[in-house]
PDB file of N, CA and C in Angstrom:
ATOM      1  N   MET A   1      19.836 -36.831  17.222  1.00  0.00           N
ATOM      2  CA  MET A   1      18.930 -36.192  18.159  1.00  0.00           C
ATOM      3  C   MET A   1      19.402 -34.775  18.474  1.00  0.00           C
ATOM      4  N   ASN A   2      20.712 -34.584  18.511  1.00  0.00           N
ATOM      5  CA  ASN A   2      21.267 -33.267  18.804  1.00  0.00           C
ATOM      6  C   ASN A   2      20.922 -32.276  17.697  1.00  0.00           C
ATOM      7  N   ILE A   3      20.893 -32.733  16.458  1.00  0.00           N
ATOM      8  CA  ILE A   3      20.566 -31.868  15.321  1.00  0.00           C
ATOM      9  C   ILE A   3      19.114 -31.409  15.411  1.00  0.00           C
ATOM     10  N   VAL A   4      18.232 -32.303  15.795  1.00  0.00           N
ATOM     11  CA  VAL A   4      16.805 -31.970  15.905  1.00  0.00           C
ATOM     12  C   VAL A   4      16.586 -30.944  16.999  1.00  0.00           C
ATOM     13  N   SER A   5      17.238 -31.099  18.141  1.00  0.00           N
ATOM     14  CA  SER A   5      17.050 -30.149  19.240  1.00  0.00           C
ATOM     15  C   SER A   5      17.592 -28.772  18.871  1.00  0.00           C
ATOM     16  N   ARG A   6      18.719 -28.713  18.144  1.00  0.00           N
ATOM     17  CA  ARG A   6      19.236 -27.414  17.701  1.00  0.00           C
ATOM     18  C   ARG A   6      18.293 -26.774  16.685  1.00  0.00           C
ATOM     19  N   PHE A   7      17.707 -27.584  15.806  1.00  0.00           N
ATOM     20  CA  PHE A   7      16.768 -27.063  14.818  1.00  0.00           C
ATOM     21  C   PHE A   7      15.521 -26.495  15.491  1.00  0.00           C
ATOM     22  N   VAL A   8      15.027 -27.137  16.517  1.00  0.00           N
ATOM     23  CA  VAL A   8      13.822 -26.681  17.218  1.00  0.00           C
ATOM     24  C   VAL A   8      14.102 -25.384  17.971  1.00  0.00           C
ATOM     25  N   LYS A   9      15.304 -25.238  18.526  1.00  0.00           N
ATOM     26  CA  LYS A   9      15.649 -24.047  19.300  1.00  0.00           C
ATOM     27  C   LYS A   9      16.039 -22.859  18.427  1.00  0.00           C
ATOM     28  N   ASP A  10      16.371 -23.079  17.165  1.00  0.00           N
ATOM     29  CA  ASP A  10      16.812 -22.014  16.278  1.00  0.00           C
ATOM     30  C   ASP A  10      15.630 -21.116  15.920  1.00  0.00           C
ATOM     31  N   GLU A  11      15.732 -19.818  16.210  1.00  0.00           N
ATOM     32  CA  GLU A  11      14.653 -18.874  15.949  1.00  0.00           C
ATOM     33  C   GLU A  11      15.041 -17.813  14.928  1.00  0.00           C
ATOM     34  N   SER A  12      16.129 -17.975  14.228  1.00  0.00           N
ATOM     35  CA  SER A  12      16.560 -16.955  13.277  1.00  0.00           C
ATOM     36  C   SER A  12      15.606 -16.847  12.094  1.00  0.00           C
ATOM     37  N   GLY A  13      15.020 -17.926  11.676  1.00  0.00           N
ATOM     38  CA  GLY A  13      14.055 -17.895  10.579  1.00  0.00           C
ATOM     39  C   GLY A  13      12.765 -17.199  10.968  1.00  0.00           C
ATOM     40  N   ALA A  14      12.384 -17.321  12.242  1.00  0.00           N
ATOM     41  CA  ALA A  14      11.157 -16.675  12.713  1.00  0.00           C
ATOM     42  C   ALA A  14      11.287 -15.161  12.634  1.00  0.00           C
ATOM     43  N   THR A  15      12.460 -14.641  12.930  1.00  0.00           N
ATOM     44  CA  THR A  15      12.670 -13.197  12.856  1.00  0.00           C
ATOM     45  C   THR A  15      12.550 -12.716  11.416  1.00  0.00           C
ATOM     46  N   ALA A  16      13.118 -13.442  10.484  1.00  0.00           N
ATOM     47  CA  ALA A  16      13.020 -13.057   9.077  1.00  0.00           C
ATOM     48  C   ALA A  16      11.575 -13.094   8.602  1.00  0.00           C
ATOM     49  N   ILE A  17      10.822 -14.072   9.039  1.00  0.00           N
ATOM     50  CA  ILE A  17       9.407 -14.159   8.666  1.00  0.00           C
ATOM     51  C   ILE A  17       8.628 -12.988   9.249  1.00  0.00           C
ATOM     52  N   GLU A  18       8.925 -12.622  10.486  1.00  0.00           N
ATOM     53  CA  GLU A  18       8.245 -11.481  11.108  1.00  0.00           C
ATOM     54  C   GLU A  18       8.537 -10.197  10.350  1.00  0.00           C
ATOM     55  N   TYR A  19       9.794  -9.983   9.965  1.00  0.00           N
ATOM     56  CA  TYR A  19      10.135  -8.793   9.190  1.00  0.00           C
ATOM     57  C   TYR A  19       9.436  -8.815   7.839  1.00  0.00           C
ATOM     58  N   GLY A  20       9.325  -9.964   7.236  1.00  0.00           N
ATOM     59  CA  GLY A  20       8.619 -10.083   5.968  1.00  0.00           C
ATOM     60  C   GLY A  20       7.142  -9.745   6.103  1.00  0.00           C
ATOM     61  N   LEU A  21       6.522 -10.209   7.178  1.00  0.00           N
ATOM     62  CA  LEU A  21       5.105  -9.901   7.407  1.00  0.00           C
ATOM     63  C   LEU A  21       4.893  -8.417   7.664  1.00  0.00           C
ATOM     64  N   ILE A  22       5.789  -7.811   8.422  1.00  0.00           N
ATOM     65  CA  ILE A  22       5.684  -6.375   8.690  1.00  0.00           C
ATOM     66  C   ILE A  22       5.822  -5.590   7.386  1.00  0.00           C
ATOM     67  N   ALA A  23       6.792  -5.966   6.556  1.00  0.00           N
ATOM     68  CA  ALA A  23       6.977  -5.287   5.272  1.00  0.00           C
ATOM     69  C   ALA A  23       5.750  -5.460   4.380  1.00  0.00           C
ATOM     70  N   ALA A  24       5.149  -6.637   4.392  1.00  0.00           N
ATOM     71  CA  ALA A  24       3.949  -6.877   3.588  1.00  0.00           C
ATOM     72  C   ALA A  24       2.785  -6.015   4.065  1.00  0.00           C
ATOM     73  N   LEU A  25       2.602  -5.911   5.372  1.00  0.00           N
ATOM     74  CA  LEU A  25       1.518  -5.078   5.907  1.00  0.00           C
ATOM     75  C   LEU A  25       1.732  -3.611   5.582  1.00  0.00           C
ATOM     76  N   ILE A  26       2.958  -3.150   5.675  1.00  0.00           N
ATOM     77  CA  ILE A  26       3.249  -1.756   5.345  1.00  0.00           C
ATOM     78  C   ILE A  26       2.979  -1.501   3.865  1.00  0.00           C
ATOM     79  N   SER A  27       3.371  -2.435   3.008  1.00  0.00           N
ATOM     80  CA  SER A  27       3.137  -2.240   1.568  1.00  0.00           C
ATOM     81  C   SER A  27       1.646  -2.256   1.238  1.00  0.00           C
ATOM     82  N   VAL A  28       0.870  -3.083   1.917  1.00  0.00           N
ATOM     83  CA  VAL A  28      -0.580  -3.088   1.701  1.00  0.00           C
ATOM     84  C   VAL A  28      -1.176  -1.746   2.117  1.00  0.00           C
ATOM     85  N   GLY A  29      -0.710  -1.192   3.225  1.00  0.00           N
ATOM     86  CA  GLY A  29      -1.179   0.121   3.666  1.00  0.00           C
ATOM     87  C   GLY A  29      -0.821   1.218   2.676  1.00  0.00           C
ATOM     88  N   ILE A  30       0.387   1.170   2.139  1.00  0.00           N
ATOM     89  CA  ILE A  30       0.811   2.175   1.162  1.00  0.00           C
ATOM     90  C   ILE A  30      -0.025   2.065  -0.113  1.00  0.00           C
ATOM     91  N   ILE A  31      -0.285   0.846  -0.555  1.00  0.00           N
ATOM     92  CA  ILE A  31      -1.090   0.650  -1.768  1.00  0.00           C
ATOM     93  C   ILE A  31      -2.511   1.158  -1.555  1.00  0.00           C
ATOM     94  N   ALA A  32      -3.081   0.871  -0.391  1.00  0.00           N
ATOM     95  CA  ALA A  32      -4.447   1.334  -0.102  1.00  0.00           C
ATOM     96  C   ALA A  32      -4.496   2.860  -0.055  1.00  0.00           C
ATOM     97  N   ALA A  33      -3.511   3.474   0.581  1.00  0.00           N
ATOM     98  CA  ALA A  33      -3.484   4.933   0.667  1.00  0.00           C
ATOM     99  C   ALA A  33      -3.290   5.558  -0.711  1.00  0.00           C
ATOM    100  N   ALA A  34      -2.418   4.993  -1.526  1.00  0.00           N
ATOM    101  CA  ALA A  34      -2.170   5.535  -2.856  1.00  0.00           C
ATOM    102  C   ALA A  34      -3.408   5.400  -3.739  1.00  0.00           C
ATOM    103  N   THR A  35      -4.116   4.294  -3.612  1.00  0.00           N
ATOM    104  CA  THR A  35      -5.339   4.096  -4.397  1.00  0.00           C
ATOM    105  C   THR A  35      -6.397   5.111  -4.000  1.00  0.00           C
ATOM    106  N   THR A  36      -6.563   5.303  -2.703  1.00  0.00           N
ATOM    107  CA  THR A  36      -7.552   6.270  -2.220  1.00  0.00           C
ATOM    108  C   THR A  36      -7.182   7.678  -2.653  1.00  0.00           C
ATOM    109  N   LEU A  37      -5.927   8.029  -2.517  1.00  0.00           N
ATOM    110  CA  LEU A  37      -5.472   9.354  -2.925  1.00  0.00           C
ATOM    111  C   LEU A  37      -5.626   9.534  -4.428  1.00  0.00           C
ATOM    112  N   GLY A  38      -5.304   8.517  -5.193  1.00  0.00           N
ATOM    113  CA  GLY A  38      -5.435   8.597  -6.649  1.00  0.00           C
ATOM    114  C   GLY A  38      -6.873   8.796  -7.079  1.00  0.00           C
ATOM    115  N   ASN A  39      -7.799   8.074  -6.458  1.00  0.00           N
ATOM    116  CA  ASN A  39      -9.213   8.239  -6.792  1.00  0.00           C
ATOM    117  C   ASN A  39      -9.706   9.636  -6.420  1.00  0.00           C
ATOM    118  N   GLY A  40      -9.268  10.128  -5.267  1.00  0.00           N
ATOM    119  CA  GLY A  40      -9.664  11.477  -4.854  1.00  0.00           C
ATOM    120  C   GLY A  40      -9.142  12.538  -5.804  1.00  0.00           C
ATOM    121  N   LEU A  41      -7.887  12.384  -6.234  1.00  0.00           N
ATOM    122  CA  LEU A  41      -7.319  13.342  -7.184  1.00  0.00           C
ATOM    123  C   LEU A  41      -8.012  13.262  -8.539  1.00  0.00           C
ATOM    124  N   ALA A  42      -8.341  12.065  -8.974  1.00  0.00           N
ATOM    125  CA  ALA A  42      -9.048  11.909 -10.247  1.00  0.00           C
ATOM    126  C   ALA A  42     -10.403  12.612 -10.198  1.00  0.00           C
ATOM    127  N   ASN A  43     -11.115  12.447  -9.101  1.00  0.00           N
ATOM    128  CA  ASN A  43     -12.411  13.116  -8.950  1.00  0.00           C
ATOM    129  C   ASN A  43     -12.250  14.636  -8.914  1.00  0.00           C
ATOM    130  N   LEU A  44     -11.219  15.110  -8.228  1.00  0.00           N
ATOM    131  CA  LEU A  44     -10.972  16.545  -8.137  1.00  0.00           C
ATOM    132  C   LEU A  44     -10.694  17.136  -9.512  1.00  0.00           C
ATOM    133  N   PHE A  45      -9.798  16.495 -10.276  1.00  0.00           N
ATOM    134  CA  PHE A  45      -9.456  17.019 -11.593  1.00  0.00           C
ATOM    135  C   PHE A  45     -10.616  16.880 -12.575  1.00  0.00           C
ATOM    136  N   SER A  46     -11.432  15.859 -12.422  1.00  0.00           N
ATOM    137  CA  SER A  46     -12.619  15.740 -13.271  1.00  0.00           C
ATOM    138  C   SER A  46     -13.583  16.892 -13.009  1.00  0.00           C
ATOM    139  N   GLY A  47     -13.748  17.229 -11.735  1.00  0.00           N
ATOM    140  CA  GLY A  47     -14.609  18.360 -11.381  1.00  0.00           C
ATOM    141  C   GLY A  47     -14.072  19.672 -11.920  1.00  0.00           C
ATOM    142  N   ILE A  48     -12.772  19.861 -11.810  1.00  0.00           N
ATOM    143  CA  ILE A  48     -12.157  21.090 -12.331  1.00  0.00           C
ATOM    144  C   ILE A  48     -12.308  21.149 -13.854  1.00  0.00           C
ATOM    145  N   GLY A  49     -12.085  20.011 -14.519  1.00  0.00           N
ATOM    146  CA  GLY A  49     -12.241  19.966 -15.974  1.00  0.00           C
ATOM    147  C   GLY A  49     -13.667  20.285 -16.401  1.00  0.00           C
ATOM    148  N   GLY A  50     -14.630  19.771 -15.663  1.00  0.00           N
ATOM    149  CA  GLY A  50     -16.033  20.060 -15.980  1.00  0.00           C
ATOM    150  C   GLY A  50     -16.355  21.533 -15.820  1.00  0.00           C
ATOM    151  N   ARG A  51     -15.817  22.138 -14.777  1.00  0.00           N
ATOM    152  CA  ARG A  51     -16.058  23.573 -14.574  1.00  0.00           C
ATOM    153  C   ARG A  51     -15.399  24.400 -15.673  1.00  0.00           C
ATOM    154  N   LEU A  52     -14.217  23.994 -16.088  1.00  0.00           N
ATOM    155  CA  LEU A  52     -13.546  24.711 -17.174  1.00  0.00           C
ATOM    156  C   LEU A  52     -14.310  24.572 -18.481  1.00  0.00           C
ATOM    157  N   ASP A  53     -14.844  23.373 -18.745  1.00  0.00           N
ATOM    158  CA  ASP A  53     -15.663  23.181 -19.945  1.00  0.00           C
ATOM    159  C   ASP A  53     -16.902  24.069 -19.925  1.00  0.00           C
ATOM    160  N   ASN A  54     -17.550  24.142 -18.766  1.00  0.00           N
ATOM    161  CA  ASN A  54     -18.740  24.987 -18.640  1.00  0.00           C
ATOM    162  C   ASN A  54     -18.379  26.460 -18.819  1.00  0.00           C
ATOM    163  N   ALA A  55     -17.249  26.871 -18.252  1.00  0.00           N
ATOM    164  CA  ALA A  55     -16.829  28.253 -18.384  1.00  0.00           C
ATOM    165  C   ALA A  55     -16.481  28.584 -19.822  1.00  0.00           C
ATOM    166  N   ALA A  56     -15.838  27.653 -20.512  1.00  0.00           N
ATOM    167  CA  ALA A  56     -15.446  27.898 -21.907  1.00  0.00           C
ATOM    168  C   ALA A  56     -16.658  27.919 -22.830  1.00  0.00           C
ATOM    169  N   SER A  57     -17.688  27.146 -22.510  1.00  0.00           N
ATOM    170  CA  SER A  57     -18.854  27.114 -23.387  1.00  0.00           C
ATOM    171  C   SER A  57     -19.730  28.351 -23.232  1.00  0.00           C
ATOM    172  N   THR A  58     -19.616  29.062 -22.120  1.00  0.00           N
ATOM    173  CA  THR A  58     -20.414  30.260 -21.923  1.00  0.00           C
ATOM    174  C   THR A  58     -19.758  31.476 -22.546  1.00  0.00           C
ATOM    175  N   ILE A  59     -18.521  31.365 -22.954  1.00  0.00           N
ATOM    176  CA  ILE A  59     -17.818  32.530 -23.556  1.00  0.00           C
ATOM    177  C   ILE A  59     -18.136  32.625 -25.009  1.00  0.00           C
TER     178      ILE A  59
END
C-alpha cells in the first residue's frame, strides 16, 4: 500500500510530459511558420523570374 501511495504522489513524470508537450507545440509553430515563409518566398521568386523572362524576351 505504501508503494501505491508514493506512486500516486510522484509528479516527476508529469513535468517531463509537460515539457514534451511544450516542445511539440513550439515545433509545430516553427514548422507552420517555415512553410508559410517558404511558400511566400517561392511566390516572390517566381514573380521575379517571370519579370526577368519578360524583360529578356523584349530585348
